[in-house]
Amino acid sequence: MNSNRIKLPYGISNFERMIRITSETSPNTMLMKLFRAYRKYKIYVIIDEYDHFANEILAFNFKEFKSFISKNGFVRKFYETIKTADGDGIVEYFFGSGVTPITLDSLTSGFNIAENLTSKKDLNKMFGFTAQEVEQLICLSLLDVSSESVMKDIKKMYNGYLFSRYADERIYNPDMVLYYLNEFLENNEQPNELIDTNISSDYGKIKKLFALQEPFRNSQVLDKLMEFGETSATLTQEFSFERNFNRDDFVSLLFYLGIVSINRDNLDALIFSIPNYVIKSIYRAFFIDFINTEKKLEFDTYDVKTAIRELAQKNQIKPFLNLIENALKNLSNQDYKIFDEKHIKALFIGSASLSNLYFIKSEQEIETNYTDILFLYRPTFFPKYQFIFEFRRNRN
């Protein structure tokens, strides 16, 4: 083989040196040799979604995750190499972006040269669209549609995110907004599905995290969010799995994943709440999946959707109630001790949310009273009937 005819990557001028670099089996050793091959240059290291692989492994194999980020794991060694290259003046700047500070604490001793910018007030708007930006997008893309009505729908479904306790402007989920506008452009009406199927599959992975370390404690957080829409916790800046993964850590993980957002201060803690209608619907799906798994409350999504169509078109509630009753029959006496009225209400709402026919509201204020559950018309379907449901405990 004539090495002079081979185009070497990254401007490496020595063929033998390239072979020595690429033949290394250790990622950190390969990286260090690559850095040293370029020591006469100033290198910028940019890593996007630095936590993607960590989140994937964490959701499915916690033991394997711990081995990767441990003191001798390849992840820490990788970042130690970047730190060394920075100290040697080879790496000029480093910038890493991701969703969760999952690996940061585990890397601190080997990579303590970086600053966590996640909760900086001035960067809050970087994580989504502002109201002004959404309005501009609507005006530019939906020329023949009332921007006011579309803005109202988008705000209800995709707004509500706050990533700094010191920021004051809530932002919109950009992927969801662009999906909505793209669908509206194509069909001239609100999409049937409220989020892109590619994104909804990602949320399917998140439900695995509810089983992380202490599923019962995590389910209690889910219960509280389902019942009250909010919960209090202290925000964890860096996760460490070398100590107990506590309740604050779990709520913080939900925050970084966009499943809860900052609502307001609570002295040294924060009140986290469900940011919008779409995320609330995802919670309901989590709840149904969780109790189906834990309590084996068997019912089929197809049957639920069929029953809701009967309700919407014929004002027939019995098929839907029969599904709930049959599901509850599988509960044991022990289950009934903790499966109280609020769980039944959550089961009712969560099951109905498997259908797209209604906007479902819980504890909605009407004049001076609060109604338990509202089923409201949802474009583009406009079912024939709307409903108000009130739950009453049978004292007999």
Protein backbone atom coordinates (compact mmCIF):
# COMPACT_ATOMS: atom_id res chain seq x y z
CA MET A 1 0.00 0.00 0.00
CA ASN A 2 1.37 3.39 -0.96
CA SER A 3 0.69 5.66 2.01
CA ASN A 4 1.47 8.74 -0.08
CA ARG A 5 -1.74 8.19 -2.09
CA ILE A 6 -3.97 7.94 0.96
CA LYS A 7 -5.74 11.11 2.02
CA LEU A 8 -5.23 11.29 5.77
CA PRO A 9 -8.02 12.63 7.99
CA TYR A 10 -7.96 15.93 9.88
CA GLY A 11 -4.82 17.10 8.14
CA ILE A 12 -2.55 14.51 9.79
CA SER A 13 0.58 14.42 7.64
CA ASN A 14 2.14 11.23 8.96
CA PHE A 15 0.57 7.92 7.93
CA GLU A 16 2.25 5.91 10.67
CA ARG A 17 1.03 8.37 13.30
CA MET A 18 -2.55 8.02 12.02
CA ILE A 19 -2.29 4.22 12.29
CA ARG A 20 -0.99 4.50 15.85
CA ILE A 21 -3.90 6.81 16.80
CA THR A 22 -6.70 4.83 15.18
CA SER A 23 -5.42 1.46 16.37
CA GLU A 24 -5.87 2.44 20.01
CA THR A 25 -8.71 0.55 21.71
CA SER A 26 -9.03 2.93 24.65
CA PRO A 27 -11.10 6.04 23.76
CA ASN A 28 -9.22 8.34 26.14
CA THR A 29 -5.81 7.21 24.85
CA MET A 30 -6.91 7.65 21.23
CA LEU A 31 -8.24 11.13 22.04
CA MET A 32 -5.06 12.19 23.82
CA LYS A 33 -2.88 11.05 20.90
CA LEU A 34 -5.15 12.97 18.53
CA PHE A 35 -4.82 16.10 20.68
CA ARG A 36 -1.04 15.79 20.76
CA ALA A 37 -0.94 15.40 17.00
CA TYR A 38 -2.51 18.88 16.85
CA ARG A 39 -0.76 20.54 19.74
CA LYS A 40 0.38 23.44 17.51
CA TYR A 41 -3.31 24.39 16.98
CA LYS A 42 -5.97 25.77 19.34
CA ILE A 43 -8.80 23.25 19.52
CA TYR A 44 -12.46 23.91 20.36
CA VAL A 45 -14.29 20.87 21.72
CA ILE A 46 -18.09 20.93 21.29
CA ILE A 47 -20.20 17.99 22.48
CA ASP A 48 -23.93 17.97 21.76
CA GLU A 49 -26.26 15.77 23.86
CA TYR A 50 -23.42 14.68 26.13
CA ASP A 51 -25.99 12.85 28.27
CA HIS A 52 -27.89 11.04 25.51
CA PHE A 53 -26.19 7.68 25.91
CA ALA A 54 -26.26 8.05 29.71
CA ASN A 55 -30.03 8.60 29.74
CA GLU A 56 -30.55 5.61 27.45
CA ILE A 57 -28.48 3.32 29.66
CA LEU A 58 -29.90 4.76 32.90
CA ALA A 59 -33.45 3.99 31.82
CA PHE A 60 -32.73 0.36 30.95
CA ASN A 61 -29.67 -0.81 32.89
CA PHE A 62 -28.78 1.11 36.06
CA LYS A 63 -25.91 -1.22 37.05
CA GLU A 64 -24.22 -0.83 33.67
CA PHE A 65 -24.71 2.93 33.86
CA LYS A 66 -22.86 3.11 37.18
CA SER A 67 -19.92 1.17 35.77
CA PHE A 68 -19.57 3.59 32.83
CA ILE A 69 -19.40 6.72 34.99
CA SER A 70 -17.41 5.23 37.88
CA LYS A 71 -13.88 6.31 38.76
CA ASN A 72 -12.40 3.84 36.29
CA GLY A 73 -15.20 4.06 33.74
CA PHE A 74 -14.49 5.20 30.19
CA VAL A 75 -16.71 8.29 30.50
CA ARG A 76 -14.71 9.86 33.31
CA LYS A 77 -11.44 8.96 31.57
CA PHE A 78 -12.69 10.63 28.40
CA TYR A 79 -13.34 13.94 30.17
CA GLU A 80 -10.12 13.72 32.17
CA THR A 81 -8.32 13.64 28.82
CA ILE A 82 -10.04 16.85 27.69
CA LYS A 83 -9.10 18.50 30.99
CA THR A 84 -5.46 17.46 30.57
CA ALA A 85 -5.42 18.81 27.01
CA ASP A 86 -6.89 22.07 28.30
CA GLY A 87 -4.16 22.31 30.93
CA ASP A 88 -1.54 21.69 28.25
CA GLY A 89 -2.95 24.56 26.19
CA ILE A 90 -4.17 22.30 23.36
CA VAL A 91 -7.92 22.65 24.01
CA GLU A 92 -8.82 26.33 24.03
CA TYR A 93 -12.56 26.09 24.75
CA PHE A 94 -15.03 23.37 25.68
CA PHE A 95 -18.82 23.53 25.39
CA GLY A 96 -21.16 20.64 26.14
CA SER A 97 -24.94 20.66 25.81
CA GLY A 98 -27.43 18.10 27.00
CA VAL A 99 -30.65 17.67 28.92
CA THR A 100 -29.74 16.26 32.31
CA PRO A 101 -26.68 16.82 34.54
CA ILE A 102 -26.57 13.05 34.92
CA THR A 103 -22.83 12.60 34.52
CA LEU A 104 -21.58 15.94 35.87
CA ASP A 105 -21.10 14.98 39.52
CA SER A 106 -19.38 11.75 38.57
CA LEU A 107 -16.93 13.72 36.42
CA THR A 108 -16.21 16.57 38.84
CA SER A 109 -12.90 15.28 40.15
CA GLY A 110 -11.67 14.62 36.65
CA PHE A 111 -13.30 17.56 34.88
CA ASN A 112 -13.73 20.47 37.29
CA ILE A 113 -12.94 23.14 34.71
CA ALA A 114 -16.50 23.64 33.44
CA GLU A 115 -19.37 25.81 34.69
CA ASN A 116 -22.97 24.58 34.70
CA LEU A 117 -25.06 27.21 32.87
CA THR A 118 -28.42 25.39 32.97
CA SER A 119 -30.26 27.62 35.44
CA LYS A 120 -28.77 30.98 34.49
CA LYS A 121 -31.44 33.68 34.23
CA ASP A 122 -30.05 35.21 31.04
CA LEU A 123 -30.08 31.84 29.24
CA ASN A 124 -33.69 30.89 30.04
CA LYS A 125 -34.94 32.07 26.63
CA MET A 126 -32.39 29.92 24.82
CA PHE A 127 -34.30 26.77 25.72
CA GLY A 128 -37.44 27.57 23.75
CA PHE A 129 -39.52 30.15 21.89
CA THR A 130 -40.75 33.32 23.55
CA ALA A 131 -44.36 34.44 23.04
CA GLN A 132 -43.15 37.12 20.62
CA GLU A 133 -41.25 34.55 18.55
CA VAL A 134 -44.30 32.26 18.39
CA GLU A 135 -46.50 35.14 17.26
CA GLN A 136 -44.02 35.99 14.52
CA LEU A 137 -43.98 32.35 13.37
CA ILE A 138 -47.78 32.27 13.24
CA CYS A 139 -47.97 35.49 11.24
CA LEU A 140 -45.31 34.34 8.78
CA SER A 141 -46.66 30.83 8.22
CA LEU A 142 -50.44 31.05 8.71
CA LEU A 143 -51.26 34.15 6.67
CA ASP A 144 -55.01 33.52 6.34
CA VAL A 145 -55.69 32.40 9.91
CA SER A 146 -56.53 34.44 12.99
CA SER A 147 -53.26 34.51 14.91
CA GLU A 148 -55.11 35.25 18.16
CA SER A 149 -57.04 31.96 18.22
CA VAL A 150 -54.02 29.90 17.16
CA MET A 151 -51.85 31.61 19.76
CA LYS A 152 -54.40 30.76 22.45
CA ASP A 153 -54.33 27.07 21.51
CA ILE A 154 -50.53 26.92 21.31
CA LYS A 155 -50.15 28.65 24.68
CA LYS A 156 -52.46 26.14 26.36
CA MET A 157 -50.69 23.15 24.84
CA TYR A 158 -47.00 24.06 24.61
CA ASN A 159 -46.21 27.01 26.92
CA GLY A 160 -45.25 27.06 30.59
CA TYR A 161 -41.53 26.23 30.80
CA LEU A 162 -39.26 28.13 33.18
CA PHE A 163 -35.68 26.98 33.71
CA SER A 164 -34.46 29.62 36.14
CA ARG A 165 -36.11 30.69 39.39
CA TYR A 166 -34.97 34.25 38.59
CA ALA A 167 -36.46 34.41 35.09
CA ASP A 168 -39.95 35.82 34.56
CA GLU A 169 -40.90 34.84 30.99
CA ARG A 170 -42.24 31.35 30.37
CA ILE A 171 -41.24 29.79 27.09
CA TYR A 172 -42.75 27.43 24.51
CA ASN A 173 -41.53 23.98 23.52
CA PRO A 174 -40.01 24.70 20.07
CA ASP A 175 -40.33 21.20 18.61
CA MET A 176 -44.03 21.03 19.51
CA VAL A 177 -44.77 24.52 18.18
CA LEU A 178 -43.09 23.80 14.84
CA TYR A 179 -44.91 20.47 14.58
CA TYR A 180 -48.26 22.20 15.22
CA LEU A 181 -47.63 24.93 12.63
CA ASN A 182 -46.40 22.45 10.04
CA GLU A 183 -49.54 20.33 10.48
CA PHE A 184 -51.76 23.43 10.40
CA LEU A 185 -50.11 24.56 7.16
CA GLU A 186 -50.78 21.19 5.55
CA ASN A 187 -54.38 20.68 6.68
CA ASN A 188 -55.52 24.21 7.59
CA GLU A 189 -56.65 23.04 11.03
CA GLN A 190 -55.29 21.92 14.36
CA PRO A 191 -53.53 18.51 14.19
CA ASN A 192 -55.33 15.45 15.54
CA GLU A 193 -52.27 14.42 17.52
CA LEU A 194 -50.86 17.14 19.76
CA ILE A 195 -47.21 16.06 19.51
CA ASP A 196 -45.02 14.51 16.85
CA THR A 197 -44.97 10.71 17.10
CA ASN A 198 -41.15 10.79 17.14
CA ILE A 199 -41.25 12.94 20.27
CA SER A 200 -43.99 10.90 21.94
CA SER A 201 -41.82 7.79 21.57
CA ASP A 202 -39.07 9.59 23.52
CA TYR A 203 -41.53 10.20 26.35
CA GLY A 204 -42.22 6.48 26.29
CA LYS A 205 -38.61 5.95 27.37
CA ILE A 206 -39.01 8.41 30.24
CA LYS A 207 -41.62 6.22 31.93
CA LYS A 208 -38.80 3.72 32.50
CA LEU A 209 -37.29 6.26 34.88
CA PHE A 210 -40.31 5.96 37.17
CA ALA A 211 -38.96 2.52 38.06
CA LEU A 212 -35.53 3.94 38.91
CA GLN A 213 -34.20 2.73 42.29
CA GLU A 214 -37.37 3.32 44.36
CA PRO A 215 -40.48 2.85 42.21
CA PHE A 216 -42.92 3.27 45.12
CA ARG A 217 -41.48 6.65 46.12
CA ASN A 218 -41.47 7.75 42.49
CA SER A 219 -45.08 6.65 42.12
CA GLN A 220 -45.97 8.88 45.10
CA VAL A 221 -44.48 11.85 43.24
CA LEU A 222 -46.57 10.88 40.24
CA ASP A 223 -49.66 10.61 42.46
CA LYS A 224 -49.12 14.11 43.86
CA LEU A 225 -48.62 15.61 40.42
CA MET A 226 -51.76 13.85 39.16
CA GLU A 227 -53.81 15.10 42.11
CA PHE A 228 -52.48 18.64 42.64
CA GLY A 229 -50.51 19.40 39.47
CA GLU A 230 -47.44 20.42 41.50
CA THR A 231 -44.92 19.29 44.08
CA SER A 232 -42.11 20.83 46.13
CA ALA A 233 -38.44 19.86 45.91
CA THR A 234 -34.92 21.26 46.08
CA LEU A 235 -33.30 21.40 42.65
CA THR A 236 -30.33 19.05 42.31
CA GLN A 237 -27.58 20.71 40.27
CA GLU A 238 -25.55 17.55 39.70
CA PHE A 239 -26.64 13.94 40.10
CA SER A 240 -24.43 11.45 41.85
CA PHE A 241 -25.27 7.76 41.88
CA GLU A 242 -22.55 7.12 44.41
CA ARG A 243 -25.07 8.32 47.02
CA ASN A 244 -28.78 7.59 47.46
CA PHE A 245 -30.97 8.82 44.63
CA ASN A 246 -33.53 10.69 46.73
CA ARG A 247 -36.88 12.35 46.10
CA ASP A 248 -35.32 15.74 45.27
CA ASP A 249 -33.14 14.00 42.69
CA PHE A 250 -36.13 12.32 41.08
CA VAL A 251 -38.19 15.54 40.84
CA SER A 252 -35.11 17.35 39.51
CA LEU A 253 -34.66 14.68 36.86
CA LEU A 254 -38.27 15.30 35.76
CA PHE A 255 -37.47 19.01 35.61
CA TYR A 256 -34.44 18.56 33.38
CA LEU A 257 -36.45 16.29 31.09
CA GLY A 258 -39.19 18.95 30.74
CA ILE A 259 -41.84 16.85 32.51
CA VAL A 260 -42.19 19.46 35.27
CA SER A 261 -41.12 23.08 35.28
CA ILE A 262 -40.46 25.78 37.87
CA ASN A 263 -43.67 27.36 39.11
CA ARG A 264 -42.53 29.52 42.04
CA ASP A 265 -40.18 29.77 45.02
CA ASN A 266 -40.81 27.83 48.23
CA LEU A 267 -38.19 29.30 50.59
CA ASP A 268 -35.02 27.24 49.97
CA ALA A 269 -36.90 24.87 47.65
CA LEU A 270 -39.02 25.28 44.53
CA ILE A 271 -42.58 24.42 43.57
CA PHE A 272 -42.50 22.40 40.36
CA SER A 273 -45.65 22.04 38.27
CA ILE A 274 -46.86 20.39 35.08
CA PRO A 275 -46.19 23.07 32.44
CA ASN A 276 -49.03 22.55 29.94
CA TYR A 277 -51.87 20.39 28.67
CA VAL A 278 -49.71 18.12 26.51
CA ILE A 279 -47.39 17.20 29.38
CA LYS A 280 -50.43 16.65 31.60
CA SER A 281 -51.75 14.18 29.02
CA ILE A 282 -48.39 12.40 29.06
CA TYR A 283 -48.61 12.13 32.86
CA ARG A 284 -52.02 10.54 32.54
CA ALA A 285 -50.56 7.99 30.13
CA PHE A 286 -47.72 7.33 32.62
CA PHE A 287 -50.28 6.81 35.37
CA ILE A 288 -52.37 4.37 33.35
CA ASP A 289 -49.28 2.44 32.31
CA PHE A 290 -47.99 2.37 35.89
CA ILE A 291 -51.18 1.05 37.48
CA ASN A 292 -51.66 -1.40 34.62
CA THR A 293 -48.20 -2.78 35.35
CA GLU A 294 -48.34 -2.66 39.13
CA LYS A 295 -52.00 -3.53 39.75
CA LYS A 296 -52.77 -5.41 36.53
CA LEU A 297 -55.91 -3.36 35.85
CA GLU A 298 -56.56 -4.89 32.48
CA PHE A 299 -58.29 -2.91 29.75
CA ASP A 300 -57.51 -2.35 26.11
CA THR A 301 -56.87 1.09 24.57
CA TYR A 302 -59.11 0.19 21.63
CA ASP A 303 -62.01 -0.57 24.01
CA VAL A 304 -61.49 2.76 25.81
CA LYS A 305 -61.51 4.75 22.57
CA THR A 306 -64.63 2.93 21.39
CA ALA A 307 -66.39 3.66 24.69
CA ILE A 308 -65.46 7.36 24.51
CA ARG A 309 -66.88 7.56 20.97
CA GLU A 310 -70.13 6.09 22.31
CA LEU A 311 -70.12 8.77 24.98
CA ALA A 312 -69.33 11.56 22.51
CA GLN A 313 -71.86 10.66 19.85
CA LYS A 314 -74.69 8.89 21.71
CA ASN A 315 -74.43 10.23 25.27
CA GLN A 316 -73.92 6.63 26.44
CA ILE A 317 -71.65 6.59 29.48
CA LYS A 318 -72.28 3.01 30.60
CA PRO A 319 -69.68 1.34 28.29
CA PHE A 320 -66.96 3.58 29.67
CA LEU A 321 -68.01 3.10 33.30
CA ASN A 322 -68.11 -0.65 32.75
CA LEU A 323 -64.47 -0.56 31.66
CA ILE A 324 -63.48 1.30 34.83
CA GLU A 325 -65.50 -1.04 37.04
CA ASN A 326 -64.07 -4.15 35.40
CA ALA A 327 -60.54 -2.80 35.80
CA LEU A 328 -61.11 -2.10 39.51
CA LYS A 329 -62.35 -5.63 40.10
CA ASN A 330 -58.77 -6.85 39.72
CA LEU A 331 -57.67 -4.93 42.82
CA SER A 332 -56.90 -6.95 45.92
CA ASN A 333 -58.08 -5.94 49.39
CA GLN A 334 -54.55 -4.74 50.11
CA ASP A 335 -54.62 -2.57 46.98
CA TYR A 336 -57.88 -0.95 48.08
CA LYS A 337 -56.21 0.33 51.26
CA ILE A 338 -54.04 2.70 49.20
CA PHE A 339 -56.16 2.98 46.06
CA ASP A 340 -58.52 5.67 47.26
CA GLU A 341 -60.97 8.12 45.69
CA LYS A 342 -58.27 10.27 44.08
CA HIS A 343 -56.81 7.20 42.35
CA ILE A 344 -60.22 6.28 40.93
CA LYS A 345 -60.64 9.82 39.68
CA ALA A 346 -57.13 9.70 38.15
CA LEU A 347 -57.97 6.35 36.55
CA PHE A 348 -61.15 7.87 35.09
CA ILE A 349 -59.28 10.88 33.67
CA GLY A 350 -56.26 8.91 32.54
CA SER A 351 -58.36 6.34 30.71
CA ALA A 352 -60.41 9.03 28.96
CA SER A 353 -57.15 10.75 27.93
CA LEU A 354 -56.27 7.73 25.79
CA SER A 355 -58.82 9.18 23.36
CA ASN A 356 -58.20 12.45 21.50
CA LEU A 357 -61.84 13.56 21.36
CA TYR A 358 -61.86 15.92 24.35
CA PHE A 359 -59.86 18.47 26.26
CA ILE A 360 -60.12 17.04 29.76
CA LYS A 361 -60.02 19.50 32.66
CA SER A 362 -59.81 18.60 36.34
CA GLU A 363 -60.87 20.89 39.20
CA GLN A 364 -61.81 23.63 36.77
CA GLU A 365 -63.25 26.79 38.37
CA ILE A 366 -66.75 27.68 37.15
CA GLU A 367 -68.02 30.88 38.72
CA THR A 368 -67.47 30.22 42.46
CA ASN A 369 -67.37 26.42 42.34
CA TYR A 370 -64.90 23.79 41.20
CA THR A 371 -66.03 20.95 39.02
CA ASP A 372 -64.33 17.55 39.35
CA ILE A 373 -63.93 16.76 35.65
CA LEU A 374 -64.86 18.52 32.40
CA PHE A 375 -64.88 16.93 28.94
CA LEU A 376 -64.71 19.90 26.52
CA TYR A 377 -64.90 20.07 22.72
CA ARG A 378 -61.57 19.64 21.07
CA PRO A 379 -60.91 20.79 17.52
CA THR A 380 -60.77 19.16 15.04
CA PHE A 381 -63.32 16.59 16.19
CA PHE A 382 -66.12 18.55 17.91
CA PRO A 383 -68.04 15.61 19.42
CA LYS A 384 -71.79 15.97 19.81
CA TYR A 385 -71.79 16.15 23.64
CA GLN A 386 -69.72 17.80 26.36
CA PHE A 387 -69.76 16.62 29.98
CA ILE A 388 -69.36 17.65 33.59
CA PHE A 389 -68.62 14.85 36.07
CA GLU A 390 -68.85 15.09 39.85
CA PHE A 391 -67.51 12.33 42.12
CA ARG A 392 -69.27 11.51 45.37
CA ARG A 393 -68.25 9.00 48.01
CA ASN A 394 -70.86 6.40 48.87
CA ARG A 395 -71.23 6.46 52.68
CA ASN A 396 -73.24 3.22 52.89
